[in-house]
């Protein structure tokens, strides 16, 4: 089994403003384009990133503005790993929050499908959270067209 090696990485921080969801989605898609992914791969990544960033904005920092920390790594083994973190309110029960249709914000007409959408577009999803400290979402996608050496 070949050990994976990071060939490129980008890190950036954005404020949790709704207008920045599109910025993050576009920057990550543009960064991933260097790995020669398919159009479907890029669309999948953009959808998953959109959900993760929106969760930070709507749920993590529901009572104000905070920073969203983004780290994207491209590996030589056809993988892209995207980590999106906030230092917001955190999630009391991650297992429950990952259930389709579960929402803590029903009055705002939230569907409770954020984690389900992320999972459906990525190959692996990891969610870690500590109430009062924040949440970290790590998504992994194996690209279909990544050049290999």
N, C-alpha and C. Protein backbone atom coordinates (compact mmCIF):
# COMPACT_ATOMS: atom_id res chain seq x y z
N UNK A 1 0.84 -1.17 0.00
CA UNK A 1 0.00 0.00 0.00
C UNK A 1 0.89 1.24 0.00
N UNK A 2 0.63 2.15 -0.90
CA UNK A 2 1.41 3.37 -1.03
C UNK A 2 1.04 4.36 0.07
N UNK A 3 2.06 4.89 0.72
CA UNK A 3 1.82 5.91 1.74
C UNK A 3 1.50 7.22 1.05
N UNK A 4 0.48 7.89 1.54
CA UNK A 4 0.10 9.15 0.92
C UNK A 4 1.02 10.28 1.37
N UNK A 5 1.24 11.19 0.44
CA UNK A 5 2.10 12.33 0.71
C UNK A 5 1.38 13.59 0.23
N UNK A 6 1.35 14.60 1.08
CA UNK A 6 0.69 15.86 0.72
C UNK A 6 1.54 16.57 -0.33
N UNK A 7 0.92 16.91 -1.46
CA UNK A 7 1.64 17.61 -2.52
C UNK A 7 1.37 19.11 -2.53
N UNK A 8 0.27 19.52 -1.90
CA UNK A 8 -0.02 20.95 -1.79
C UNK A 8 -1.08 21.16 -0.73
N UNK A 9 -1.06 22.36 -0.14
CA UNK A 9 -1.98 22.66 0.94
C UNK A 9 -2.29 24.15 0.93
N UNK A 10 -3.52 24.48 1.32
CA UNK A 10 -3.90 25.88 1.50
C UNK A 10 -4.66 25.99 2.80
N UNK A 11 -4.37 27.06 3.54
CA UNK A 11 -5.09 27.36 4.77
C UNK A 11 -5.54 28.80 4.70
N UNK A 12 -6.77 29.03 5.13
CA UNK A 12 -7.25 30.40 5.21
C UNK A 12 -8.36 30.50 6.25
N UNK A 13 -8.61 31.72 6.67
CA UNK A 13 -9.61 32.00 7.69
C UNK A 13 -10.56 33.04 7.13
N UNK A 14 -11.86 32.80 7.33
CA UNK A 14 -12.88 33.77 6.90
C UNK A 14 -13.81 34.07 8.06
N UNK A 15 -14.36 35.27 8.10
CA UNK A 15 -15.39 35.55 9.10
C UNK A 15 -16.68 34.81 8.73
N UNK A 16 -17.47 34.47 9.73
CA UNK A 16 -18.69 33.70 9.51
C UNK A 16 -19.84 34.57 9.01
N UNK A 17 -19.62 35.21 7.89
CA UNK A 17 -20.64 36.01 7.21
C UNK A 17 -21.19 35.18 6.06
N UNK A 18 -22.50 35.24 5.83
CA UNK A 18 -23.10 34.40 4.79
C UNK A 18 -22.51 34.66 3.41
N UNK A 19 -22.07 35.88 3.14
CA UNK A 19 -21.48 36.18 1.83
C UNK A 19 -20.17 35.42 1.60
N UNK A 20 -19.54 34.96 2.68
CA UNK A 20 -18.27 34.26 2.55
C UNK A 20 -18.42 32.78 2.23
N UNK A 21 -19.63 32.25 2.29
CA UNK A 21 -19.86 30.85 1.92
C UNK A 21 -19.44 30.63 0.46
N UNK A 22 -19.86 31.51 -0.43
CA UNK A 22 -19.50 31.41 -1.84
C UNK A 22 -18.02 31.61 -2.09
N UNK A 23 -17.41 32.49 -1.31
CA UNK A 23 -15.97 32.71 -1.42
C UNK A 23 -15.21 31.43 -1.08
N UNK A 24 -15.55 30.83 0.05
CA UNK A 24 -14.87 29.59 0.47
C UNK A 24 -15.07 28.49 -0.56
N UNK A 25 -16.28 28.33 -1.03
CA UNK A 25 -16.60 27.29 -2.02
C UNK A 25 -15.77 27.49 -3.28
N UNK A 26 -15.68 28.72 -3.75
CA UNK A 26 -14.94 29.02 -4.98
C UNK A 26 -13.43 28.85 -4.81
N UNK A 27 -12.89 29.32 -3.68
CA UNK A 27 -11.46 29.20 -3.44
C UNK A 27 -11.06 27.72 -3.36
N UNK A 28 -11.84 26.92 -2.64
CA UNK A 28 -11.52 25.50 -2.51
C UNK A 28 -11.63 24.79 -3.85
N UNK A 29 -12.66 25.10 -4.62
CA UNK A 29 -12.81 24.48 -5.95
C UNK A 29 -11.64 24.86 -6.85
N UNK A 30 -11.24 26.13 -6.83
CA UNK A 30 -10.11 26.57 -7.65
C UNK A 30 -8.82 25.89 -7.22
N UNK A 31 -8.61 25.76 -5.93
CA UNK A 31 -7.41 25.09 -5.43
C UNK A 31 -7.39 23.63 -5.86
N UNK A 32 -8.52 22.94 -5.75
CA UNK A 32 -8.60 21.52 -6.11
C UNK A 32 -8.44 21.29 -7.62
N UNK A 33 -8.69 22.31 -8.42
CA UNK A 33 -8.60 22.17 -9.88
C UNK A 33 -7.20 21.76 -10.33
N UNK A 34 -6.17 22.10 -9.57
CA UNK A 34 -4.80 21.72 -9.94
C UNK A 34 -4.60 20.21 -9.97
N UNK A 35 -5.48 19.46 -9.30
CA UNK A 35 -5.37 18.01 -9.25
C UNK A 35 -6.09 17.32 -10.41
N UNK A 36 -6.58 18.11 -11.35
CA UNK A 36 -7.24 17.59 -12.53
C UNK A 36 -8.46 16.71 -12.21
N UNK A 37 -9.35 17.20 -11.33
CA UNK A 37 -10.54 16.41 -11.00
C UNK A 37 -11.57 16.49 -12.13
N UNK A 38 -12.55 15.61 -12.07
CA UNK A 38 -13.66 15.70 -13.01
C UNK A 38 -14.57 16.85 -12.60
N UNK A 39 -15.42 17.26 -13.50
CA UNK A 39 -16.41 18.31 -13.18
C UNK A 39 -17.34 17.83 -12.08
N UNK A 40 -17.64 16.56 -12.06
CA UNK A 40 -18.50 16.00 -11.01
C UNK A 40 -17.80 16.09 -9.66
N UNK A 41 -16.49 15.77 -9.62
CA UNK A 41 -15.74 15.90 -8.37
C UNK A 41 -15.82 17.33 -7.83
N UNK A 42 -15.60 18.30 -8.70
CA UNK A 42 -15.64 19.71 -8.28
C UNK A 42 -17.03 20.09 -7.78
N UNK A 43 -18.07 19.66 -8.48
CA UNK A 43 -19.45 19.95 -8.05
C UNK A 43 -19.72 19.33 -6.69
N UNK A 44 -19.27 18.10 -6.48
CA UNK A 44 -19.45 17.42 -5.20
C UNK A 44 -18.75 18.18 -4.07
N UNK A 45 -17.52 18.57 -4.31
CA UNK A 45 -16.74 19.31 -3.31
C UNK A 45 -17.42 20.63 -2.98
N UNK A 46 -17.87 21.35 -3.99
CA UNK A 46 -18.53 22.64 -3.76
C UNK A 46 -19.79 22.49 -2.93
N UNK A 47 -20.58 21.46 -3.19
CA UNK A 47 -21.81 21.23 -2.41
C UNK A 47 -21.49 20.91 -0.96
N UNK A 48 -20.53 20.02 -0.73
CA UNK A 48 -20.17 19.64 0.63
C UNK A 48 -19.59 20.83 1.40
N UNK A 49 -18.71 21.59 0.76
CA UNK A 49 -18.12 22.76 1.40
C UNK A 49 -19.19 23.79 1.75
N UNK A 50 -20.11 24.00 0.84
CA UNK A 50 -21.21 24.93 1.08
C UNK A 50 -21.98 24.57 2.34
N UNK A 51 -22.29 23.29 2.51
CA UNK A 51 -23.01 22.83 3.69
C UNK A 51 -22.19 23.02 4.96
N UNK A 52 -20.91 22.69 4.91
CA UNK A 52 -20.06 22.81 6.09
C UNK A 52 -19.92 24.27 6.53
N UNK A 53 -19.68 25.15 5.58
CA UNK A 53 -19.53 26.57 5.90
C UNK A 53 -20.85 27.13 6.42
N UNK A 54 -21.95 26.77 5.78
CA UNK A 54 -23.26 27.24 6.22
C UNK A 54 -23.55 26.77 7.64
N UNK A 55 -23.18 25.53 7.98
CA UNK A 55 -23.37 25.05 9.36
C UNK A 55 -22.60 25.92 10.35
N UNK A 56 -21.37 26.29 10.01
CA UNK A 56 -20.60 27.17 10.90
C UNK A 56 -21.31 28.50 11.10
N UNK A 57 -21.79 29.07 10.03
CA UNK A 57 -22.43 30.38 10.07
C UNK A 57 -23.75 30.32 10.85
N UNK A 58 -24.60 29.38 10.49
CA UNK A 58 -25.95 29.31 11.04
C UNK A 58 -26.00 28.72 12.45
N UNK A 59 -25.22 27.67 12.67
CA UNK A 59 -25.30 26.97 13.95
C UNK A 59 -24.12 27.28 14.88
N UNK A 60 -22.91 27.24 14.37
CA UNK A 60 -21.74 27.45 15.21
C UNK A 60 -21.69 28.84 15.83
N UNK A 61 -21.98 29.83 15.01
CA UNK A 61 -21.92 31.22 15.47
C UNK A 61 -23.30 31.87 15.40
N UNK A 62 -24.32 31.17 15.84
CA UNK A 62 -25.68 31.68 15.72
C UNK A 62 -25.93 32.97 16.48
N UNK A 63 -25.10 33.26 17.46
CA UNK A 63 -25.29 34.48 18.24
C UNK A 63 -24.28 35.58 17.93
N UNK A 64 -23.58 35.45 16.80
CA UNK A 64 -22.60 36.47 16.46
C UNK A 64 -21.69 36.02 15.34
N UNK A 65 -20.62 36.76 15.15
CA UNK A 65 -19.66 36.49 14.10
C UNK A 65 -18.39 35.92 14.72
N UNK A 66 -17.85 34.90 14.07
CA UNK A 66 -16.59 34.31 14.51
C UNK A 66 -15.78 33.90 13.30
N UNK A 67 -14.65 33.30 13.53
CA UNK A 67 -13.79 32.86 12.43
C UNK A 67 -14.05 31.41 12.06
N UNK A 68 -13.94 31.14 10.76
CA UNK A 68 -14.02 29.79 10.22
C UNK A 68 -12.64 29.47 9.65
N UNK A 69 -12.07 28.35 10.11
CA UNK A 69 -10.72 27.94 9.74
C UNK A 69 -10.80 26.83 8.71
N UNK A 70 -10.15 27.05 7.57
CA UNK A 70 -10.24 26.11 6.45
C UNK A 70 -8.84 25.63 6.09
N UNK A 71 -8.71 24.32 5.93
CA UNK A 71 -7.44 23.69 5.57
C UNK A 71 -7.75 22.65 4.50
N UNK A 72 -7.12 22.79 3.34
CA UNK A 72 -7.33 21.85 2.24
C UNK A 72 -5.99 21.26 1.84
N UNK A 73 -5.94 19.93 1.77
CA UNK A 73 -4.72 19.24 1.38
C UNK A 73 -5.00 18.35 0.18
N UNK A 74 -4.08 18.37 -0.76
CA UNK A 74 -4.14 17.47 -1.91
C UNK A 74 -3.01 16.46 -1.74
N UNK A 75 -3.37 15.18 -1.83
CA UNK A 75 -2.39 14.11 -1.66
C UNK A 75 -2.12 13.43 -3.00
N UNK A 76 -0.95 12.80 -3.09
CA UNK A 76 -0.56 12.12 -4.32
C UNK A 76 -1.26 10.78 -4.50
N UNK A 77 -2.13 10.42 -3.59
CA UNK A 77 -2.86 9.16 -3.70
C UNK A 77 -4.31 9.39 -4.09
N UNK A 78 -4.55 10.41 -4.90
CA UNK A 78 -5.89 10.73 -5.40
C UNK A 78 -6.84 11.29 -4.36
N UNK A 79 -6.33 11.81 -3.26
CA UNK A 79 -7.20 12.30 -2.19
C UNK A 79 -7.14 13.80 -2.02
N UNK A 80 -8.29 14.38 -1.68
CA UNK A 80 -8.39 15.75 -1.20
C UNK A 80 -9.00 15.66 0.19
N UNK A 81 -8.39 16.33 1.15
CA UNK A 81 -8.90 16.35 2.52
C UNK A 81 -9.18 17.80 2.88
N UNK A 82 -10.43 18.07 3.25
CA UNK A 82 -10.88 19.42 3.56
C UNK A 82 -11.32 19.44 5.02
N UNK A 83 -10.70 20.31 5.81
CA UNK A 83 -11.09 20.49 7.20
C UNK A 83 -11.66 21.88 7.38
N UNK A 84 -12.83 21.94 7.98
CA UNK A 84 -13.51 23.21 8.25
C UNK A 84 -13.86 23.23 9.73
N UNK A 85 -13.35 24.26 10.44
CA UNK A 85 -13.49 24.33 11.90
C UNK A 85 -14.04 25.68 12.31
N UNK A 86 -14.81 25.64 13.40
CA UNK A 86 -15.22 26.88 14.04
C UNK A 86 -14.93 26.77 15.53
N UNK A 87 -14.99 27.88 16.21
CA UNK A 87 -14.83 27.92 17.66
C UNK A 87 -16.12 28.43 18.28
N UNK A 88 -17.22 27.95 17.71
CA UNK A 88 -18.55 28.38 18.13
C UNK A 88 -19.11 27.56 19.27
N UNK A 89 -20.43 27.40 19.27
CA UNK A 89 -21.13 26.79 20.40
C UNK A 89 -20.94 25.29 20.52
N UNK A 90 -20.51 24.63 19.46
CA UNK A 90 -20.32 23.18 19.50
C UNK A 90 -21.63 22.42 19.40
N UNK A 91 -21.52 21.10 19.35
CA UNK A 91 -22.67 20.22 19.21
C UNK A 91 -22.68 19.28 20.41
N UNK A 92 -23.81 19.25 21.12
CA UNK A 92 -23.91 18.40 22.32
C UNK A 92 -23.90 16.91 21.98
N UNK A 93 -24.59 16.54 20.90
CA UNK A 93 -24.71 15.12 20.54
C UNK A 93 -24.46 14.98 19.04
N UNK A 94 -23.22 14.72 18.65
CA UNK A 94 -22.86 14.63 17.23
C UNK A 94 -23.63 13.51 16.54
N UNK A 95 -23.77 12.37 17.19
CA UNK A 95 -24.49 11.25 16.58
C UNK A 95 -25.93 11.66 16.23
N UNK A 96 -26.59 12.34 17.12
CA UNK A 96 -27.95 12.82 16.87
C UNK A 96 -27.96 13.87 15.76
N UNK A 97 -27.01 14.79 15.79
CA UNK A 97 -26.94 15.86 14.79
C UNK A 97 -26.71 15.32 13.38
N UNK A 98 -26.10 14.15 13.27
CA UNK A 98 -25.83 13.56 11.96
C UNK A 98 -27.02 12.78 11.41
N UNK A 99 -28.08 12.67 12.17
CA UNK A 99 -29.28 11.97 11.69
C UNK A 99 -30.01 12.85 10.69
N UNK A 100 -30.43 12.27 9.55
CA UNK A 100 -31.19 13.06 8.57
C UNK A 100 -32.43 13.68 9.21
N UNK A 101 -32.66 14.93 8.88
CA UNK A 101 -33.81 15.73 9.30
C UNK A 101 -33.72 16.26 10.74
N UNK A 102 -32.65 15.94 11.47
CA UNK A 102 -32.50 16.51 12.81
C UNK A 102 -32.02 17.95 12.68
N UNK A 103 -32.69 18.86 13.35
CA UNK A 103 -32.27 20.25 13.37
C UNK A 103 -32.55 20.86 14.73
N UNK A 104 -31.71 21.79 15.11
CA UNK A 104 -31.94 22.56 16.34
C UNK A 104 -32.53 23.92 16.00
N UNK A 105 -32.82 24.15 14.72
CA UNK A 105 -33.27 25.46 14.27
C UNK A 105 -34.48 25.32 13.34
N UNK A 106 -35.50 24.57 13.77
CA UNK A 106 -36.67 24.33 12.94
C UNK A 106 -37.46 25.60 12.64
N UNK A 107 -37.46 26.55 13.57
CA UNK A 107 -38.22 27.79 13.33
C UNK A 107 -37.64 28.63 12.20
N UNK A 108 -36.38 28.42 11.86
CA UNK A 108 -35.77 29.12 10.72
C UNK A 108 -35.87 28.30 9.44
N UNK A 109 -36.69 27.27 9.48
CA UNK A 109 -36.94 26.39 8.33
C UNK A 109 -35.67 25.67 7.86
N UNK A 110 -34.84 25.25 8.79
CA UNK A 110 -33.66 24.45 8.47
C UNK A 110 -34.11 23.01 8.28
N UNK A 111 -33.56 22.34 7.28
CA UNK A 111 -34.02 20.99 6.94
C UNK A 111 -33.37 19.89 7.77
N UNK A 112 -32.23 20.17 8.39
CA UNK A 112 -31.54 19.15 9.15
C UNK A 112 -30.83 18.14 8.26
N UNK A 113 -30.44 18.57 7.07
CA UNK A 113 -29.80 17.66 6.12
C UNK A 113 -28.34 18.00 5.84
N UNK A 114 -27.75 18.94 6.57
CA UNK A 114 -26.39 19.39 6.30
C UNK A 114 -25.36 18.28 6.30
N UNK A 115 -25.29 17.51 7.38
CA UNK A 115 -24.30 16.43 7.45
C UNK A 115 -24.63 15.32 6.44
N UNK A 116 -25.90 15.07 6.23
CA UNK A 116 -26.31 14.05 5.25
C UNK A 116 -25.86 14.46 3.84
N UNK A 117 -26.00 15.72 3.50
CA UNK A 117 -25.55 16.22 2.19
C UNK A 117 -24.04 16.08 2.08
N UNK A 118 -23.31 16.50 3.11
CA UNK A 118 -21.85 16.38 3.09
C UNK A 118 -21.43 14.93 2.87
N UNK A 119 -22.06 14.02 3.61
CA UNK A 119 -21.75 12.59 3.49
C UNK A 119 -22.05 12.05 2.09
N UNK A 120 -23.11 12.54 1.48
CA UNK A 120 -23.49 12.00 0.18
C UNK A 120 -22.55 12.45 -0.94
N UNK A 121 -21.87 13.58 -0.76
CA UNK A 121 -21.00 14.09 -1.81
C UNK A 121 -19.52 13.78 -1.59
N UNK A 122 -19.18 13.35 -0.39
CA UNK A 122 -17.79 13.05 -0.08
C UNK A 122 -17.65 11.56 0.24
N UNK A 123 -16.43 11.05 0.20
CA UNK A 123 -16.21 9.64 0.49
C UNK A 123 -16.15 9.34 1.98
N UNK A 124 -15.73 10.33 2.76
CA UNK A 124 -15.63 10.14 4.20
C UNK A 124 -15.92 11.47 4.89
N UNK A 125 -16.62 11.39 6.01
CA UNK A 125 -16.95 12.58 6.79
C UNK A 125 -16.68 12.27 8.26
N UNK A 126 -15.93 13.14 8.89
CA UNK A 126 -15.65 13.02 10.32
C UNK A 126 -16.09 14.32 10.99
N UNK A 127 -16.83 14.20 12.08
CA UNK A 127 -17.30 15.37 12.82
C UNK A 127 -16.88 15.23 14.27
N UNK A 128 -16.19 16.25 14.75
CA UNK A 128 -15.79 16.30 16.16
C UNK A 128 -16.25 17.62 16.73
N UNK A 129 -16.79 17.56 17.93
CA UNK A 129 -17.31 18.78 18.52
C UNK A 129 -17.25 18.72 20.03
N UNK A 130 -17.03 19.88 20.63
CA UNK A 130 -17.06 20.03 22.08
C UNK A 130 -17.98 21.22 22.38
N UNK A 131 -19.05 20.98 23.13
CA UNK A 131 -19.94 22.09 23.46
C UNK A 131 -19.17 23.25 24.10
N UNK A 132 -19.44 24.44 23.58
CA UNK A 132 -18.78 25.64 24.07
C UNK A 132 -17.40 25.90 23.48
N UNK A 133 -16.88 24.94 22.71
CA UNK A 133 -15.52 25.08 22.15
C UNK A 133 -15.50 25.10 20.63
N UNK A 134 -16.49 24.46 19.99
CA UNK A 134 -16.52 24.47 18.53
C UNK A 134 -16.63 23.11 17.90
N UNK A 135 -16.62 23.13 16.59
CA UNK A 135 -16.83 21.92 15.78
C UNK A 135 -15.80 21.86 14.66
N UNK A 136 -15.36 20.64 14.36
CA UNK A 136 -14.44 20.39 13.26
C UNK A 136 -15.05 19.33 12.35
N UNK A 137 -15.13 19.66 11.08
CA UNK A 137 -15.64 18.73 10.07
C UNK A 137 -14.49 18.45 9.11
N UNK A 138 -14.18 17.17 8.92
CA UNK A 138 -13.14 16.79 7.97
C UNK A 138 -13.78 15.90 6.91
N UNK A 139 -13.61 16.31 5.66
CA UNK A 139 -14.21 15.60 4.53
C UNK A 139 -13.11 15.12 3.60
N UNK A 140 -13.23 13.88 3.15
CA UNK A 140 -12.25 13.30 2.24
C UNK A 140 -12.93 12.90 0.95
N UNK A 141 -12.28 13.22 -0.16
CA UNK A 141 -12.81 12.87 -1.48
C UNK A 141 -11.69 12.26 -2.32
N UNK A 142 -11.94 11.08 -2.85
CA UNK A 142 -11.00 10.48 -3.79
C UNK A 142 -11.38 10.98 -5.19
N UNK A 143 -10.43 11.65 -5.83
CA UNK A 143 -10.69 12.22 -7.14
C UNK A 143 -10.57 11.15 -8.22
N UNK A 144 -11.38 11.29 -9.25
CA UNK A 144 -11.38 10.32 -10.34
C UNK A 144 -10.28 10.53 -11.36
N UNK A 145 -9.76 11.75 -11.47
CA UNK A 145 -8.82 12.04 -12.54
C UNK A 145 -7.47 12.55 -12.07
N UNK A 146 -7.16 12.41 -10.80
CA UNK A 146 -5.89 12.92 -10.31
C UNK A 146 -4.74 12.22 -11.03
N UNK A 147 -3.79 13.01 -11.52
CA UNK A 147 -2.62 12.43 -12.17
C UNK A 147 -1.80 11.67 -11.13
N UNK A 148 -1.27 10.57 -11.50
CA UNK A 148 -0.43 9.81 -10.59
C UNK A 148 0.95 9.65 -11.20
N UNK A 149 1.93 9.53 -10.34
CA UNK A 149 3.31 9.39 -10.82
C UNK A 149 3.72 7.95 -10.83
